PDB file of N, CA and C in Angstrom:
ATOM      1  N   MET A   1      97.612 -68.354  31.524  1.00  0.00           N
ATOM      2  CA  MET A   1      97.805 -67.711  30.248  1.00  0.00           C
ATOM      3  C   MET A   1      97.094 -66.362  30.304  1.00  0.00           C
ATOM      4  N   HIS A   2      97.773 -65.340  29.818  1.00  0.00           N
ATOM      5  CA  HIS A   2      97.108 -64.042  29.714  1.00  0.00           C
ATOM      6  C   HIS A   2      97.637 -63.267  28.512  1.00  0.00           C
ATOM      7  N   VAL A   3      96.812 -62.345  28.046  1.00  0.00           N
ATOM      8  CA  VAL A   3      97.196 -61.478  26.935  1.00  0.00           C
ATOM      9  C   VAL A   3      98.062 -60.370  27.497  1.00  0.00           C
ATOM     10  N   ASP A   4      99.235 -60.209  26.896  1.00  0.00           N
ATOM     11  CA  ASP A   4     100.168 -59.181  27.354  1.00  0.00           C
ATOM     12  C   ASP A   4     100.033 -57.904  26.527  1.00  0.00           C
ATOM     13  N   ALA A   5      99.754 -58.061  25.235  1.00  0.00           N
ATOM     14  CA  ALA A   5      99.627 -56.900  24.350  1.00  0.00           C
ATOM     15  C   ALA A   5      98.927 -57.336  23.065  1.00  0.00           C
ATOM     16  N   PHE A   6      98.417 -56.362  22.334  1.00  0.00           N
ATOM     17  CA  PHE A   6      97.841 -56.658  21.026  1.00  0.00           C
ATOM     18  C   PHE A   6      97.951 -55.426  20.149  1.00  0.00           C
ATOM     19  N   ALA A   7      98.155 -55.662  18.862  1.00  0.00           N
ATOM     20  CA  ALA A   7      98.236 -54.576  17.889  1.00  0.00           C
ATOM     21  C   ALA A   7      98.156 -55.153  16.483  1.00  0.00           C
ATOM     22  N   LYS A   8      97.376 -54.523  15.634  1.00  0.00           N
ATOM     23  CA  LYS A   8      97.288 -54.863  14.211  1.00  0.00           C
ATOM     24  C   LYS A   8      97.058 -56.359  13.962  1.00  0.00           C
ATOM     25  N   GLY A   9      96.163 -56.962  14.723  1.00  0.00           N
ATOM     26  CA  GLY A   9      95.824 -58.362  14.504  1.00  0.00           C
ATOM     27  C   GLY A   9      96.777 -59.363  15.111  1.00  0.00           C
ATOM     28  N   VAL A  10      97.749 -58.895  15.898  1.00  0.00           N
ATOM     29  CA  VAL A  10      98.710 -59.792  16.553  1.00  0.00           C
ATOM     30  C   VAL A  10      98.524 -59.670  18.062  1.00  0.00           C
ATOM     31  N   VAL A  11      98.384 -60.813  18.700  1.00  0.00           N
ATOM     32  CA  VAL A  11      98.180 -60.847  20.150  1.00  0.00           C
ATOM     33  C   VAL A  11      99.390 -61.530  20.787  1.00  0.00           C
ATOM     34  N   LYS A  12      99.991 -60.872  21.755  1.00  0.00           N
ATOM     35  CA  LYS A  12     101.111 -61.455  22.496  1.00  0.00           C
ATOM     36  C   LYS A  12     100.538 -62.122  23.736  1.00  0.00           C
ATOM     37  N   ILE A  13     100.748 -63.430  23.845  1.00  0.00           N
ATOM     38  CA  ILE A  13     100.263 -64.134  25.026  1.00  0.00           C
ATOM     39  C   ILE A  13     101.436 -64.667  25.834  1.00  0.00           C
ATOM     40  N   VAL A  14     101.238 -64.687  27.129  1.00  0.00           N
ATOM     41  CA  VAL A  14     102.260 -65.153  28.063  1.00  0.00           C
ATOM     42  C   VAL A  14     101.684 -66.352  28.801  1.00  0.00           C
ATOM     43  N   LEU A  15     102.447 -67.420  28.830  1.00  0.00           N
ATOM     44  CA  LEU A  15     102.046 -68.610  29.568  1.00  0.00           C
ATOM     45  C   LEU A  15     103.016 -68.819  30.718  1.00  0.00           C
ATOM     46  N   ILE A  16     102.464 -69.079  31.889  1.00  0.00           N
ATOM     47  CA  ILE A  16     103.279 -69.318  33.075  1.00  0.00           C
ATOM     48  C   ILE A  16     102.796 -70.620  33.697  1.00  0.00           C
ATOM     49  N   ASN A  17     103.729 -71.490  34.071  1.00  0.00           N
ATOM     50  CA  ASN A  17     103.337 -72.761  34.673  1.00  0.00           C
ATOM     51  C   ASN A  17     102.740 -72.550  36.061  1.00  0.00           C
ATOM     52  N   GLU A  18     102.120 -73.592  36.606  1.00  0.00           N
ATOM     53  CA  GLU A  18     101.426 -73.477  37.893  1.00  0.00           C
ATOM     54  C   GLU A  18     102.332 -73.010  39.023  1.00  0.00           C
ATOM     55  N   ARG A  19     103.596 -73.446  39.025  1.00  0.00           N
ATOM     56  CA  ARG A  19     104.531 -73.056  40.086  1.00  0.00           C
ATOM     57  C   ARG A  19     105.095 -71.655  39.883  1.00  0.00           C
ATOM     58  N   LYS A  20     104.779 -71.048  38.744  1.00  0.00           N
ATOM     59  CA  LYS A  20     105.275 -69.712  38.392  1.00  0.00           C
ATOM     60  C   LYS A  20     106.794 -69.681  38.323  1.00  0.00           C
ATOM     61  N   THR A  21     107.340 -70.685  37.637  1.00  0.00           N
ATOM     62  CA  THR A  21     108.794 -70.787  37.474  1.00  0.00           C
ATOM     63  C   THR A  21     109.229 -70.806  36.013  1.00  0.00           C
ATOM     64  N   ILE A  22     108.290 -70.956  35.090  1.00  0.00           N
ATOM     65  CA  ILE A  22     108.616 -70.988  33.656  1.00  0.00           C
ATOM     66  C   ILE A  22     107.686 -70.034  32.923  1.00  0.00           C
ATOM     67  N   LEU A  23     108.272 -69.188  32.083  1.00  0.00           N
ATOM     68  CA  LEU A  23     107.527 -68.217  31.282  1.00  0.00           C
ATOM     69  C   LEU A  23     107.755 -68.529  29.803  1.00  0.00           C
ATOM     70  N   LEU A  24     106.667 -68.679  29.048  1.00  0.00           N
ATOM     71  CA  LEU A  24     106.742 -68.869  27.596  1.00  0.00           C
ATOM     72  C   LEU A  24     105.917 -67.769  26.944  1.00  0.00           C
ATOM     73  N   VAL A  25     106.401 -67.264  25.808  1.00  0.00           N
ATOM     74  CA  VAL A  25     105.719 -66.176  25.113  1.00  0.00           C
ATOM     75  C   VAL A  25     105.445 -66.604  23.668  1.00  0.00           C
ATOM     76  N   PHE A  26     104.231 -66.319  23.217  1.00  0.00           N
ATOM     77  CA  PHE A  26     103.827 -66.628  21.843  1.00  0.00           C
ATOM     78  C   PHE A  26     103.130 -65.414  21.256  1.00  0.00           C
ATOM     79  N   PHE A  27     103.176 -65.306  19.927  1.00  0.00           N
ATOM     80  CA  PHE A  27     102.424 -64.285  19.208  1.00  0.00           C
ATOM     81  C   PHE A  27     101.380 -64.983  18.350  1.00  0.00           C
ATOM     82  N   LEU A  28     100.107 -64.637  18.553  1.00  0.00           N
ATOM     83  CA  LEU A  28      99.026 -65.149  17.729  1.00  0.00           C
ATOM     84  C   LEU A  28      98.773 -64.115  16.636  1.00  0.00           C
ATOM     85  N   ASP A  29      99.147 -64.456  15.420  1.00  0.00           N
ATOM     86  CA  ASP A  29      99.006 -63.552  14.283  1.00  0.00           C
ATOM     87  C   ASP A  29      97.727 -63.920  13.535  1.00  0.00           C
ATOM     88  N   TYR A  30      96.634 -63.266  13.912  1.00  0.00           N
ATOM     89  CA  TYR A  30      95.345 -63.605  13.317  1.00  0.00           C
ATOM     90  C   TYR A  30      95.282 -63.234  11.845  1.00  0.00           C
ATOM     91  N   LYS A  31      95.869 -62.113  11.453  1.00  0.00           N
ATOM     92  CA  LYS A  31      95.844 -61.700  10.048  1.00  0.00           C
ATOM     93  C   LYS A  31      96.628 -62.682   9.181  1.00  0.00           C
ATOM     94  N   GLY A  32      97.764 -63.167   9.695  1.00  0.00           N
ATOM     95  CA  GLY A  32      98.586 -64.102   8.929  1.00  0.00           C
ATOM     96  C   GLY A  32      98.202 -65.549   9.138  1.00  0.00           C
ATOM     97  N   GLY A  33      97.325 -65.805  10.113  1.00  0.00           N
ATOM     98  CA  GLY A  33      96.895 -67.171  10.378  1.00  0.00           C
ATOM     99  C   GLY A  33      98.003 -68.049  10.941  1.00  0.00           C
ATOM    100  N   ARG A  34      98.873 -67.467  11.777  1.00  0.00           N
ATOM    101  CA  ARG A  34     100.013 -68.206  12.316  1.00  0.00           C
ATOM    102  C   ARG A  34     100.192 -67.949  13.800  1.00  0.00           C
ATOM    103  N   VAL A  35     100.927 -68.841  14.433  1.00  0.00           N
ATOM    104  CA  VAL A  35     101.348 -68.661  15.815  1.00  0.00           C
ATOM    105  C   VAL A  35     102.866 -68.718  15.805  1.00  0.00           C
ATOM    106  N   HIS A  36     103.513 -67.766  16.462  1.00  0.00           N
ATOM    107  CA  HIS A  36     104.973 -67.716  16.511  1.00  0.00           C
ATOM    108  C   HIS A  36     105.454 -67.871  17.949  1.00  0.00           C
ATOM    109  N   THR A  37     106.534 -68.612  18.127  1.00  0.00           N
ATOM    110  CA  THR A  37     107.175 -68.661  19.435  1.00  0.00           C
ATOM    111  C   THR A  37     108.052 -67.426  19.590  1.00  0.00           C
ATOM    112  N   ASN A  38     108.290 -67.031  20.819  1.00  0.00           N
ATOM    113  CA  ASN A  38     109.191 -65.919  21.091  1.00  0.00           C
ATOM    114  C   ASN A  38     110.197 -66.405  22.134  1.00  0.00           C
ATOM    115  N   LEU A  39     111.319 -66.901  21.670  1.00  0.00           N
ATOM    116  CA  LEU A  39     112.327 -67.450  22.575  1.00  0.00           C
ATOM    117  C   LEU A  39     113.056 -66.377  23.364  1.00  0.00           C
ATOM    118  N   GLU A  40     113.094 -65.162  22.842  1.00  0.00           N
ATOM    119  CA  GLU A  40     113.868 -64.102  23.494  1.00  0.00           C
ATOM    120  C   GLU A  40     113.259 -63.632  24.813  1.00  0.00           C
ATOM    121  N   ASP A  41     111.938 -63.658  24.925  1.00  0.00           N
ATOM    122  CA  ASP A  41     111.290 -63.110  26.116  1.00  0.00           C
ATOM    123  C   ASP A  41     110.921 -64.155  27.164  1.00  0.00           C
ATOM    124  N   GLY A  42     111.012 -65.421  26.836  1.00  0.00           N
ATOM    125  CA  GLY A  42     110.685 -66.465  27.798  1.00  0.00           C
ATOM    126  C   GLY A  42     111.863 -66.782  28.698  1.00  0.00           C
ATOM    127  N   GLY A  43     111.634 -67.659  29.660  1.00  0.00           N
ATOM    128  CA  GLY A  43     112.741 -68.066  30.523  1.00  0.00           C
ATOM    129  C   GLY A  43     112.265 -68.593  31.858  1.00  0.00           C
ATOM    130  N   LEU A  44     113.219 -68.777  32.739  1.00  0.00           N
ATOM    131  CA  LEU A  44     112.936 -69.239  34.090  1.00  0.00           C
ATOM    132  C   LEU A  44     112.626 -68.040  34.969  1.00  0.00           C
ATOM    133  N   LEU A  45     111.686 -68.217  35.890  1.00  0.00           N
ATOM    134  CA  LEU A  45     111.278 -67.151  36.790  1.00  0.00           C
ATOM    135  C   LEU A  45     111.680 -67.483  38.223  1.00  0.00           C
ATOM    136  N   TYR A  46     112.132 -66.484  38.928  1.00  0.00           N
ATOM    137  CA  TYR A  46     112.476 -66.626  40.344  1.00  0.00           C
ATOM    138  C   TYR A  46     111.561 -65.702  41.123  1.00  0.00           C
ATOM    139  N   GLY A  47     110.942 -66.195  42.172  1.00  0.00           N
ATOM    140  CA  GLY A  47     110.014 -65.383  42.949  1.00  0.00           C
ATOM    141  C   GLY A  47     109.445 -66.198  44.080  1.00  0.00           C
ATOM    142  N   GLU A  48     108.116 -66.397  44.050  1.00  0.00           N
ATOM    143  CA  GLU A  48     107.454 -67.209  45.076  1.00  0.00           C
ATOM    144  C   GLU A  48     108.125 -68.578  45.203  1.00  0.00           C
ATOM    145  N   ASN A  49     108.380 -69.184  44.066  1.00  0.00           N
ATOM    146  CA  ASN A  49     109.084 -70.463  43.988  1.00  0.00           C
ATOM    147  C   ASN A  49     110.298 -70.278  43.094  1.00  0.00           C
ATOM    148  N   ASN A  50     111.357 -70.964  43.405  1.00  0.00           N
ATOM    149  CA  ASN A  50     112.517 -70.946  42.525  1.00  0.00           C
ATOM    150  C   ASN A  50     112.476 -72.180  41.638  1.00  0.00           C
ATOM    151  N   PRO A  51     112.996 -72.066  40.417  1.00  0.00           N
ATOM    152  CA  PRO A  51     113.008 -73.226  39.528  1.00  0.00           C
ATOM    153  C   PRO A  51     113.779 -74.385  40.154  1.00  0.00           C
ATOM    154  N   ASP A  52     113.270 -75.600  39.924  1.00  0.00           N
ATOM    155  CA  ASP A  52     114.002 -76.783  40.348  1.00  0.00           C
ATOM    156  C   ASP A  52     114.562 -77.459  39.101  1.00  0.00           C
ATOM    157  N   GLU A  53     115.204 -78.596  39.282  1.00  0.00           N
ATOM    158  CA  GLU A  53     115.840 -79.276  38.150  1.00  0.00           C
ATOM    159  C   GLU A  53     114.819 -79.642  37.072  1.00  0.00           C
ATOM    160  N   ASN A  54     113.613 -80.040  37.467  1.00  0.00           N
ATOM    161  CA  ASN A  54     112.578 -80.388  36.482  1.00  0.00           C
ATOM    162  C   ASN A  54     112.173 -79.169  35.658  1.00  0.00           C
ATOM    163  N   ASP A  55     112.084 -78.008  36.299  1.00  0.00           N
ATOM    164  CA  ASP A  55     111.758 -76.776  35.580  1.00  0.00           C
ATOM    165  C   ASP A  55     112.857 -76.422  34.585  1.00  0.00           C
ATOM    166  N   VAL A  56     114.098 -76.533  35.027  1.00  0.00           N
ATOM    167  CA  VAL A  56     115.236 -76.225  34.156  1.00  0.00           C
ATOM    168  C   VAL A  56     115.233 -77.160  32.952  1.00  0.00           C
ATOM    169  N   ARG A  57     115.023 -78.436  33.201  1.00  0.00           N
ATOM    170  CA  ARG A  57     114.994 -79.418  32.108  1.00  0.00           C
ATOM    171  C   ARG A  57     113.824 -79.133  31.156  1.00  0.00           C
ATOM    172  N   ALA A  58     112.642 -78.816  31.707  1.00  0.00           N
ATOM    173  CA  ALA A  58     111.469 -78.541  30.868  1.00  0.00           C
ATOM    174  C   ALA A  58     111.694 -77.312  29.997  1.00  0.00           C
ATOM    175  N   TYR A  59     112.194 -76.217  30.602  1.00  0.00           N
ATOM    176  CA  TYR A  59     112.413 -75.006  29.806  1.00  0.00           C
ATOM    177  C   TYR A  59     113.525 -75.212  28.781  1.00  0.00           C
ATOM    178  N   ALA A  60     114.611 -75.847  29.201  1.00  0.00           N
ATOM    179  CA  ALA A  60     115.721 -76.094  28.274  1.00  0.00           C
ATOM    180  C   ALA A  60     115.262 -76.968  27.113  1.00  0.00           C
ATOM    181  N   THR A  61     114.427 -77.960  27.400  1.00  0.00           N
ATOM    182  CA  THR A  61     113.915 -78.830  26.328  1.00  0.00           C
ATOM    183  C   THR A  61     113.086 -78.014  25.353  1.00  0.00           C
ATOM    184  N   PHE A  62     112.185 -77.174  25.858  1.00  0.00           N
ATOM    185  CA  PHE A  62     111.395 -76.312  24.972  1.00  0.00           C
ATOM    186  C   PHE A  62     112.311 -75.412  24.146  1.00  0.00           C
ATOM    187  N   PHE A  63     113.192 -74.682  24.821  1.00  0.00           N
ATOM    188  CA  PHE A  63     114.047 -73.706  24.147  1.00  0.00           C
ATOM    189  C   PHE A  63     114.932 -74.362  23.090  1.00  0.00           C
ATOM    190  N   TYR A  64     115.697 -75.364  23.480  1.00  0.00           N
ATOM    191  CA  TYR A  64     116.681 -75.926  22.556  1.00  0.00           C
ATOM    192  C   TYR A  64     116.065 -76.794  21.470  1.00  0.00           C
ATOM    193  N   LYS A  65     114.966 -77.452  21.747  1.00  0.00           N
ATOM    194  CA  LYS A  65     114.300 -78.228  20.690  1.00  0.00           C
ATOM    195  C   LYS A  65     113.691 -77.290  19.657  1.00  0.00           C
ATOM    196  N   VAL A  66     113.076 -76.185  20.116  1.00  0.00           N
ATOM    197  CA  VAL A  66     112.540 -75.196  19.180  1.00  0.00           C
ATOM    198  C   VAL A  66     113.688 -74.522  18.429  1.00  0.00           C
ATOM    199  N   PHE A  67     114.716 -74.121  19.161  1.00  0.00           N
ATOM    200  CA  PHE A  67     115.875 -73.454  18.546  1.00  0.00           C
ATOM    201  C   PHE A  67     116.558 -74.361  17.531  1.00  0.00           C
ATOM    202  N   GLY A  68     116.523 -75.661  17.766  1.00  0.00           N
ATOM    203  CA  GLY A  68     117.106 -76.637  16.833  1.00  0.00           C
ATOM    204  C   GLY A  68     116.131 -77.050  15.751  1.00  0.00           C
ATOM    205  N   ASN A  69     115.160 -76.187  15.443  1.00  0.00           N
ATOM    206  CA  ASN A  69     114.152 -76.399  14.400  1.00  0.00           C
ATOM    207  C   ASN A  69     113.166 -77.508  14.726  1.00  0.00           C
ATOM    208  N   GLY A  70     112.903 -77.700  16.009  1.00  0.00           N
ATOM    209  CA  GLY A  70     111.867 -78.638  16.409  1.00  0.00           C
ATOM    210  C   GLY A  70     110.501 -78.011  16.211  1.00  0.00           C
ATOM    211  N   ILE A  71     109.489 -78.715  16.644  1.00  0.00           N
ATOM    212  CA  ILE A  71     108.123 -78.227  16.507  1.00  0.00           C
ATOM    213  C   ILE A  71     107.574 -77.897  17.885  1.00  0.00           C
ATOM    214  N   ALA A  72     107.006 -76.721  18.017  1.00  0.00           N
ATOM    215  CA  ALA A  72     106.311 -76.345  19.247  1.00  0.00           C
ATOM    216  C   ALA A  72     104.825 -76.382  18.931  1.00  0.00           C
ATOM    217  N   GLU A  73     104.051 -76.936  19.854  1.00  0.00           N
ATOM    218  CA  GLU A  73     102.610 -76.969  19.683  1.00  0.00           C
ATOM    219  C   GLU A  73     101.958 -76.246  20.851  1.00  0.00           C
ATOM    220  N   LEU A  74     100.990 -75.422  20.542  1.00  0.00           N
ATOM    221  CA  LEU A  74     100.230 -74.714  21.563  1.00  0.00           C
ATOM    222  C   LEU A  74      98.915 -75.462  21.725  1.00  0.00           C
ATOM    223  N   THR A  75      98.629 -75.929  22.946  1.00  0.00           N
ATOM    224  CA  THR A  75      97.385 -76.664  23.187  1.00  0.00           C
ATOM    225  C   THR A  75      96.595 -75.978  24.298  1.00  0.00           C
ATOM    226  N   CYS A  76      95.305 -76.163  24.258  1.00  0.00           N
ATOM    227  CA  CYS A  76      94.421 -75.613  25.275  1.00  0.00           C
ATOM    228  C   CYS A  76      93.312 -76.627  25.524  1.00  0.00           C
ATOM    229  N   ASP A  77      93.258 -77.152  26.739  1.00  0.00           N
ATOM    230  CA  ASP A  77      92.259 -78.143  27.123  1.00  0.00           C
ATOM    231  C   ASP A  77      92.245 -79.308  26.127  1.00  0.00           C
ATOM    232  N   ASP A  78      91.059 -79.663  25.638  1.00  0.00           N
ATOM    233  CA  ASP A  78      90.922 -80.819  24.742  1.00  0.00           C
ATOM    234  C   ASP A  78      90.963 -80.445  23.265  1.00  0.00           C
ATOM    235  N   MET A  79      91.317 -79.212  22.954  1.00  0.00           N
ATOM    236  CA  MET A  79      91.350 -78.778  21.559  1.00  0.00           C
ATOM    237  C   MET A  79      92.562 -79.354  20.846  1.00  0.00           C
ATOM    238  N   GLU A  80      92.488 -79.429  19.535  1.00  0.00           N
ATOM    239  CA  GLU A  80      93.604 -79.912  18.724  1.00  0.00           C
ATOM    240  C   GLU A  80      94.798 -78.974  18.879  1.00  0.00           C
ATOM    241  N   PRO A  81      96.021 -79.528  18.984  1.00  0.00           N
ATOM    242  CA  PRO A  81      97.198 -78.654  19.087  1.00  0.00           C
ATOM    243  C   PRO A  81      97.426 -77.858  17.812  1.00  0.00           C
ATOM    244  N   ILE A  82      97.995 -76.675  17.989  1.00  0.00           N
ATOM    245  CA  ILE A  82      98.314 -75.798  16.861  1.00  0.00           C
ATOM    246  C   ILE A  82      99.831 -75.717  16.749  1.00  0.00           C
ATOM    247  N   ASP A  83     100.380 -76.069  15.570  1.00  0.00           N
ATOM    248  CA  ASP A  83     101.818 -75.939  15.357  1.00  0.00           C
ATOM    249  C   ASP A  83     102.203 -74.471  15.334  1.00  0.00           C
ATOM    250  N   CYS A  84     103.334 -74.154  15.956  1.00  0.00           N
ATOM    251  CA  CYS A  84     103.813 -72.776  16.016  1.00  0.00           C
ATOM    252  C   CYS A  84     104.973 -72.583  15.065  1.00  0.00           C
ATOM    253  N   GLU A  85     104.982 -71.456  14.399  1.00  0.00           N
ATOM    254  CA  GLU A  85     106.096 -71.089  13.532  1.00  0.00           C
ATOM    255  C   GLU A  85     107.302 -70.759  14.399  1.00  0.00           C
ATOM    256  N   VAL A  86     108.456 -71.146  13.937  1.00  0.00           N
ATOM    257  CA  VAL A  86     109.675 -70.840  14.656  1.00  0.00           C
ATOM    258  C   VAL A  86     110.506 -69.908  13.782  1.00  0.00           C
ATOM    259  N   VAL A  87     110.771 -68.727  14.285  1.00  0.00           N
ATOM    260  CA  VAL A  87     111.593 -67.760  13.565  1.00  0.00           C
ATOM    261  C   VAL A  87     112.860 -67.549  14.381  1.00  0.00           C
ATOM    262  N   ILE A  88     113.979 -67.962  13.821  1.00  0.00           N
ATOM    263  CA  ILE A  88     115.253 -67.854  14.532  1.00  0.00           C
ATOM    264  C   ILE A  88     116.068 -66.724  13.914  1.00  0.00           C
ATOM    265  N   PRO A  89     116.457 -65.738  14.723  1.00  0.00           N
ATOM    266  CA  PRO A  89     117.274 -64.649  14.177  1.00  0.00           C
ATOM    267  C   PRO A  89     118.553 -65.178  13.527  1.00  0.00           C
ATOM    268  N   VAL A  90     118.955 -64.536  12.465  1.00  0.00           N
ATOM    269  CA  VAL A  90     120.131 -64.964  11.701  1.00  0.00           C
ATOM    270  C   VAL A  90     121.397 -64.978  12.554  1.00  0.00           C
ATOM    271  N   ASN A  91     121.496 -64.071  13.522  1.00  0.00           N
ATOM    272  CA  ASN A  91     122.729 -63.966  14.308  1.00  0.00           C
ATOM    273  C   ASN A  91     122.815 -65.024  15.414  1.00  0.00           C
ATOM    274  N   MET A  92     121.814 -65.882  15.549  1.00  0.00           N
ATOM    275  CA  MET A  92     121.850 -66.932  16.568  1.00  0.00           C
ATOM    276  C   MET A  92     122.211 -68.259  15.906  1.00  0.00           C
ATOM    277  N   ARG A  93     123.168 -68.969  16.494  1.00  0.00           N
ATOM    278  CA  ARG A  93     123.606 -70.250  15.941  1.00  0.00           C
ATOM    279  C   ARG A  93     123.741 -71.269  17.063  1.00  0.00           C
ATOM    280  N   MET A  94     123.386 -72.497  16.774  1.00  0.00           N
ATOM    281  CA  MET A  94     123.567 -73.591  17.739  1.00  0.00           C
ATOM    282  C   MET A  94     124.960 -74.168  17.518  1.00  0.00           C
ATOM    283  N   THR A  95     125.695 -74.299  18.582  1.00  0.00           N
ATOM    284  CA  THR A  95     127.050 -74.859  18.483  1.00  0.00           C
ATOM    285  C   THR A  95     127.091 -76.314  18.941  1.00  0.00           C
ATOM    286  N   MET A  96     125.959 -76.818  19.449  1.00  0.00           N
ATOM    287  CA  MET A  96     125.867 -78.206  19.875  1.00  0.00           C
ATOM    288  C   MET A  96     124.447 -78.695  19.603  1.00  0.00           C
ATOM    289  N   SER A  97     124.233 -79.981  19.715  1.00  0.00           N
ATOM    290  CA  SER A  97     122.890 -80.519  19.484  1.00  0.00           C
ATOM    291  C   SER A  97     121.951 -80.061  20.597  1.00  0.00           C
ATOM    292  N   PRO A  98     120.641 -80.044  20.339  1.00  0.00           N
ATOM    293  CA  PRO A  98     119.698 -79.675  21.396  1.00  0.00           C
ATOM    294  C   PRO A  98     119.860 -80.545  22.648  1.00  0.00           C
ATOM    295  N   ASP A  99     120.058 -81.845  22.486  1.00  0.00           N
ATOM    296  CA  ASP A  99     120.209 -82.730  23.646  1.00  0.00           C
ATOM    297  C   ASP A  99     121.457 -82.389  24.458  1.00  0.00           C
ATOM    298  N   GLN A 100     122.550 -82.057  23.784  1.00  0.00           N
ATOM    299  CA  GLN A 100     123.774 -81.648  24.488  1.00  0.00           C
ATOM    300  C   GLN A 100     123.547 -80.328  25.233  1.00  0.00           C
ATOM    301  N   ALA A 101     122.849 -79.389  24.582  1.00  0.00           N
ATOM    302  CA  ALA A 101     122.591 -78.087  25.205  1.00  0.00           C
ATOM    303  C   ALA A 101     121.692 -78.238  26.432  1.00  0.00           C
ATOM    304  N   ILE A 102     120.698 -79.112  26.354  1.00  0.00           N
ATOM    305  CA  ILE A 102     119.808 -79.359  27.496  1.00  0.00           C
ATOM    306  C   ILE A 102     120.611 -79.930  28.652  1.00  0.00           C
ATOM    307  N   ALA A 103     121.418 -80.951  28.368  1.00  0.00           N
ATOM    308  CA  ALA A 103     122.236 -81.574  29.415  1.00  0.00           C
ATOM    309  C   ALA A 103     123.179 -80.557  30.049  1.00  0.00           C
ATOM    310  N   LYS A 104     123.761 -79.676  29.234  1.00  0.00           N
ATOM    311  CA  LYS A 104     124.679 -78.658  29.747  1.00  0.00           C
ATOM    312  C   LYS A 104     123.954 -77.680  30.662  1.00  0.00           C
ATOM    313  N   MET A 105     122.751 -77.251  30.281  1.00  0.00           N
ATOM    314  CA  MET A 105     122.000 -76.304  31.100  1.00  0.00           C
ATOM    315  C   MET A 105     121.606 -76.935  32.442  1.00  0.00           C
ATOM    316  N   VAL A 106     121.198 -78.188  32.417  1.00  0.00           N
ATOM    317  CA  VAL A 106     120.833 -78.890  33.655  1.00  0.00           C
ATOM    318  C   VAL A 106     122.056 -79.053  34.543  1.00  0.00           C
ATOM    319  N   GLU A 107     123.190 -79.403  33.945  1.00  0.00           N
ATOM    320  CA  GLU A 107     124.426 -79.579  34.724  1.00  0.00           C
ATOM    321  C   GLU A 107     124.859 -78.254  35.355  1.00  0.00           C
ATOM    322  N   GLN A 108     124.762 -77.157  34.618  1.00  0.00           N
ATOM    323  CA  GLN A 108     125.101 -75.839  35.165  1.00  0.00           C
ATOM    324  C   GLN A 108     124.199 -75.508  36.347  1.00  0.00           C
ATOM    325  N   PHE A 109     122.906 -75.829  36.220  1.00  0.00           N
ATOM    326  CA  PHE A 109     121.965 -75.573  37.307  1.00  0.00           C
ATOM    327  C   PHE A 109     122.350 -76.382  38.536  1.00  0.00           C
ATOM    328  N   LYS A 110     122.688 -77.638  38.357  1.00  0.00           N
ATOM    329  CA  LYS A 110     123.085 -78.481  39.484  1.00  0.00           C
ATOM    330  C   LYS A 110     124.316 -77.919  40.184  1.00  0.00           C
ATOM    331  N   LYS A 111     125.294 -77.455  39.418  1.00  0.00           N
ATOM    332  CA  LYS A 111     126.512 -76.889  39.995  1.00  0.00           C
ATOM    333  C   LYS A 111     126.189 -75.618  40.801  1.00  0.00           C
ATOM    334  N   GLU A 112     125.318 -74.767  40.255  1.00  0.00           N
ATOM    335  CA  GLU A 112     124.934 -73.540  40.960  1.00  0.00           C
ATOM    336  C   GLU A 112     124.201 -73.864  42.264  1.00  0.00           C
ATOM    337  N   GLN A 113     123.371 -74.890  42.250  1.00  0.00           N
ATOM    338  CA  GLN A 113     122.618 -75.270  43.437  1.00  0.00           C
ATOM    339  C   GLN A 113     123.511 -75.873  44.505  1.00  0.00           C
ATOM    340  N   ALA A 114     124.617 -76.498  44.086  1.00  0.00           N
ATOM    341  CA  ALA A 114     125.549 -77.133  45.031  1.00  0.00           C
ATOM    342  C   ALA A 114     126.370 -76.112  45.777  1.00  0.00           C
ATOM    343  N   LYS A 115     126.475 -74.896  45.272  1.00  0.00           N
ATOM    344  CA  LYS A 115     127.297 -73.846  45.910  1.00  0.00           C
ATOM    345  C   LYS A 115     126.675 -73.348  47.180  1.00  0.00           C
TER     346      LYS A 115
END
């Protein structure tokens, strides 16, 4: 986890998994007393390691469960988890359930890997 930027009481933090294959972005809004997810800037990373099926499933589960109005919690060590606010742009719509979208993303990944 590292701080990517800060301004006017808002800190942008970036979380990367140990394999460096999944990127998650959050905004800590200290003035507003909230934490926001940022689905637009997160995603799968390709570099030292390429994402595997478990990475795809983990990221898709985070993305689609949050996008489907699920709850994201930010945790650090043994501290109590903090619920994150989810702000979904008006122009984004889910056309299938989160579980269907996760399965579709995993299936697409499998097909790409088979090529």
